[in-house]
Amino acid sequence: MYCARAVIVTVPLGVLKRGRIVFEPALPRITQQAIDHLGMGILNKVVLEFPTVFWEDVEILNYISASKGEWCEWLNLHAYTGQPLLVAFNAATVGRRLETWSDTQVITAAMATLRRLYGTKMPDPTKFAITRWGQDPFSYGAYSFIPPLASPQDYRTLAQPIEGRLLFAGEATHDRYPATVHGAYLSGDRAAREWLSAA
């Protein structure tokens, strides 16, 4: 057990929405409503390392798939790292569906798209990494969003300190830059300053 004068809670919104942390006393109704109103989105990545670069020297590779939103956006990491790496992004419904697939199924689908673009003679990947943010117990999603019946006010409400001792930070508490790393960073700075000014 730890005792402290104040706590800054920085867990992702998905963890709060799942009730994985129990607050005693319970959170104020308005805070809990903000958590309930906001949505937690999915943006899963598939990182593929190849023996050589076979794609164009561009930053982003886009593809219009037969099935909406499937394997449509690729980031060329070779442009930044010098390594033969491609990252595919799959969001929302497609991203959630891929979480139910095995690694082999995901890689097979990714390679089917690349082979449509670059031909069947391209090499197989030598390594890969696959995210499944919706299943990750430390996040349960990738980023917050505003679904129907929610508003930016919910971000502001979640950012409000509770009795000066319980503060929240994270991208879902920044109404200007939600769903971003810089929003998360700025929210942590804000929460620390709020506590220091009240201490």
Protein backbone atom coordinates (compact mmCIF):
# COMPACT_ATOMS: atom_id res chain seq x y z
CA MET A 1 0.00 0.00 0.00
CA TYR A 2 1.19 3.49 -0.87
CA CYS A 3 0.08 6.71 0.75
CA ALA A 4 0.26 10.03 -1.08
CA ARG A 5 -1.16 13.52 -0.82
CA ALA A 6 -2.33 13.39 -4.44
CA VAL A 7 -2.52 11.02 -7.42
CA ILE A 8 -2.32 11.75 -11.14
CA VAL A 9 -4.08 8.93 -13.00
CA THR A 10 -2.61 8.48 -16.48
CA VAL A 11 -4.06 5.14 -17.55
CA PRO A 12 -5.72 5.03 -21.00
CA LEU A 13 -9.43 5.77 -21.28
CA GLY A 14 -10.08 2.13 -22.23
CA VAL A 15 -8.87 0.97 -18.80
CA LEU A 16 -11.17 3.47 -17.08
CA LYS A 17 -14.12 2.45 -19.28
CA ARG A 18 -13.62 -1.22 -18.35
CA GLY A 19 -13.66 -0.37 -14.64
CA ARG A 20 -10.23 -1.96 -14.16
CA ILE A 21 -9.46 0.54 -11.42
CA VAL A 22 -11.78 0.83 -8.43
CA PHE A 23 -12.05 4.29 -6.88
CA GLU A 24 -13.10 4.55 -3.23
CA PRO A 25 -15.04 6.72 -2.78
CA ALA A 26 -16.52 6.39 -6.25
CA LEU A 27 -15.78 9.02 -8.85
CA PRO A 28 -18.19 11.95 -9.03
CA ARG A 29 -21.12 11.24 -11.32
CA ILE A 30 -20.05 13.89 -13.85
CA THR A 31 -16.55 12.36 -14.14
CA GLN A 32 -17.92 8.86 -14.61
CA GLN A 33 -20.34 10.14 -17.24
CA ALA A 34 -17.47 11.70 -19.18
CA ILE A 35 -15.65 8.34 -19.12
CA ASP A 36 -18.82 6.56 -20.25
CA HIS A 37 -19.58 9.08 -23.02
CA LEU A 38 -16.19 9.06 -24.74
CA GLY A 39 -15.26 6.21 -27.07
CA MET A 40 -12.02 4.27 -27.36
CA GLY A 41 -10.90 3.66 -30.93
CA ILE A 42 -8.70 1.07 -32.59
CA LEU A 43 -5.69 1.68 -34.82
CA ASN A 44 -3.67 -1.48 -35.16
CA LYS A 45 -0.28 -1.69 -36.84
CA VAL A 46 1.52 -4.46 -38.65
CA VAL A 47 5.26 -3.86 -38.92
CA LEU A 48 7.07 -5.92 -41.56
CA GLU A 49 10.83 -6.16 -41.98
CA PHE A 50 12.11 -7.33 -45.37
CA PRO A 51 15.55 -8.41 -46.59
CA THR A 52 15.58 -5.53 -49.09
CA VAL A 53 13.55 -2.48 -50.09
CA PHE A 54 11.31 -3.17 -53.10
CA TRP A 55 8.93 -0.21 -52.79
CA GLU A 56 9.08 3.42 -53.89
CA ASP A 57 11.08 6.02 -51.99
CA VAL A 58 8.02 7.81 -50.63
CA GLU A 59 6.80 8.47 -47.12
CA ILE A 60 3.27 7.02 -47.40
CA LEU A 61 1.95 4.24 -49.62
CA ASN A 62 -1.81 4.33 -50.18
CA TYR A 63 -3.98 1.59 -51.61
CA ILE A 64 -7.68 1.55 -52.49
CA SER A 65 -8.89 -1.87 -51.48
CA ALA A 66 -11.95 -3.74 -52.69
CA SER A 67 -13.08 -3.94 -49.07
CA LYS A 68 -13.38 -0.46 -47.51
CA GLY A 69 -10.55 0.47 -45.18
CA GLU A 70 -8.54 -2.73 -45.53
CA TRP A 71 -4.73 -2.37 -45.81
CA CYS A 72 -5.15 1.13 -47.25
CA GLU A 73 -2.30 3.00 -45.59
CA TRP A 74 1.36 2.04 -45.26
CA LEU A 75 4.24 4.01 -43.76
CA ASN A 76 7.71 3.62 -45.25
CA LEU A 77 10.02 3.48 -42.21
CA HIS A 78 13.03 3.05 -44.49
CA ALA A 79 12.77 6.79 -45.14
CA TYR A 80 13.47 7.44 -41.43
CA THR A 81 15.55 4.50 -40.23
CA GLY A 82 17.38 3.22 -43.29
CA GLN A 83 15.97 -0.23 -42.46
CA PRO A 84 13.69 -2.14 -44.89
CA LEU A 85 10.52 -1.68 -42.81
CA LEU A 86 6.89 -1.08 -43.76
CA VAL A 87 4.07 -0.36 -41.31
CA ALA A 88 0.44 -1.04 -42.23
CA PHE A 89 -2.39 0.71 -40.38
CA ASN A 90 -5.87 -0.76 -39.95
CA ALA A 91 -8.46 1.19 -38.00
CA ALA A 92 -11.97 0.82 -36.63
CA THR A 93 -13.93 -2.22 -37.86
CA VAL A 94 -11.04 -3.64 -39.88
CA GLY A 95 -8.62 -3.17 -36.99
CA ARG A 96 -10.99 -4.94 -34.59
CA ARG A 97 -11.53 -7.81 -37.01
CA LEU A 98 -7.79 -8.37 -37.39
CA GLU A 99 -7.50 -8.79 -33.62
CA THR A 100 -9.41 -12.06 -33.91
CA TRP A 101 -6.98 -13.44 -36.51
CA SER A 102 -3.81 -15.42 -35.89
CA ASP A 103 -0.44 -13.88 -36.70
CA THR A 104 -0.24 -16.09 -39.78
CA GLN A 105 -3.62 -14.90 -41.06
CA VAL A 106 -2.68 -11.24 -40.53
CA ILE A 107 0.68 -11.57 -42.30
CA THR A 108 -0.92 -13.53 -45.17
CA ALA A 109 -3.51 -10.78 -45.68
CA ALA A 110 -0.89 -8.02 -45.53
CA MET A 111 1.33 -9.82 -48.02
CA ALA A 112 -1.60 -10.44 -50.38
CA THR A 113 -2.07 -6.67 -50.60
CA LEU A 114 1.63 -5.98 -51.13
CA ARG A 115 1.81 -8.64 -53.83
CA ARG A 116 -1.07 -6.98 -55.66
CA LEU A 117 1.00 -3.80 -55.65
CA TYR A 118 4.50 -5.15 -56.27
CA GLY A 119 4.08 -8.56 -57.86
CA THR A 120 4.52 -12.11 -56.65
CA LYS A 121 8.33 -12.09 -56.79
CA MET A 122 8.73 -9.76 -53.82
CA PRO A 123 10.41 -11.35 -50.77
CA ASP A 124 8.65 -12.59 -47.66
CA PRO A 125 9.17 -10.60 -44.46
CA THR A 126 11.97 -11.75 -42.18
CA LYS A 127 10.37 -10.32 -39.02
CA PHE A 128 7.05 -8.82 -37.99
CA ALA A 129 5.22 -7.19 -35.10
CA ILE A 130 1.44 -6.93 -34.75
CA THR A 131 -0.52 -4.74 -32.33
CA ARG A 132 -3.87 -5.74 -30.88
CA TRP A 133 -4.71 -2.66 -28.83
CA GLY A 134 -8.32 -3.64 -28.19
CA GLN A 135 -7.17 -6.76 -26.33
CA ASP A 136 -4.32 -5.14 -24.43
CA PRO A 137 -5.31 -5.05 -20.73
CA PHE A 138 -3.16 -1.95 -20.21
CA SER A 139 -5.03 0.10 -22.83
CA TYR A 140 -8.16 -1.59 -24.31
CA GLY A 141 -7.87 0.58 -27.38
CA ALA A 142 -5.55 2.98 -29.15
CA TYR A 143 -7.05 6.47 -28.75
CA SER A 144 -10.16 8.28 -27.59
CA PHE A 145 -12.84 9.69 -29.88
CA ILE A 146 -16.15 11.53 -29.62
CA PRO A 147 -19.06 9.23 -30.48
CA PRO A 148 -22.70 10.33 -30.81
CA LEU A 149 -24.03 11.97 -27.62
CA ALA A 150 -20.50 12.90 -26.47
CA SER A 151 -18.76 16.25 -26.94
CA PRO A 152 -15.39 17.96 -26.37
CA GLN A 153 -16.78 18.97 -22.99
CA ASP A 154 -16.31 15.36 -21.87
CA TYR A 155 -12.54 15.75 -22.40
CA ARG A 156 -12.59 18.90 -20.28
CA THR A 157 -14.70 17.27 -17.58
CA LEU A 158 -12.35 14.30 -17.29
CA ALA A 159 -9.45 16.75 -16.93
CA GLN A 160 -10.98 18.45 -13.87
CA PRO A 161 -9.20 17.71 -10.55
CA ILE A 162 -11.32 16.03 -7.89
CA GLU A 163 -10.99 17.69 -4.48
CA GLY A 164 -7.51 18.85 -5.52
CA ARG A 165 -6.06 15.41 -4.85
CA LEU A 166 -7.19 13.17 -7.69
CA LEU A 167 -6.12 14.36 -11.13
CA PHE A 168 -6.40 12.77 -14.55
CA ALA A 169 -3.98 13.06 -17.46
CA GLY A 170 -3.67 11.35 -20.83
CA GLU A 171 -4.79 12.09 -24.37
CA ALA A 172 -8.46 11.68 -23.40
CA THR A 173 -8.15 14.68 -21.06
CA HIS A 174 -6.84 17.14 -23.65
CA ASP A 175 -9.65 18.83 -25.58
CA ARG A 176 -7.34 20.45 -28.15
CA TYR A 177 -5.10 17.49 -29.01
CA PRO A 178 -6.98 14.32 -28.05
CA ALA A 179 -5.89 11.00 -29.58
CA THR A 180 -2.28 12.18 -29.87
CA VAL A 181 1.02 11.62 -28.08
CA HIS A 182 1.59 15.36 -27.74
CA GLY A 183 -1.89 15.73 -26.22
CA ALA A 184 -0.99 13.08 -23.64
CA TYR A 185 2.31 14.82 -22.87
CA LEU A 186 0.71 18.25 -22.52
CA SER A 187 -2.03 16.85 -20.29
CA GLY A 188 0.56 15.39 -17.91
CA ASP A 189 2.30 18.76 -17.73
CA ARG A 190 -1.06 20.44 -17.04
CA ALA A 191 -2.02 18.00 -14.28
CA ALA A 192 1.36 18.35 -12.55
CA ARG A 193 1.13 22.15 -12.67
CA GLU A 194 -2.44 22.04 -11.29
CA TRP A 195 -1.34 19.96 -8.34
CA LEU A 196 1.77 22.05 -7.67
CA SER A 197 -0.25 25.25 -7.72
CA ALA A 198 -2.78 23.78 -5.25
CA ALA A 199 -0.25 22.09 -2.95
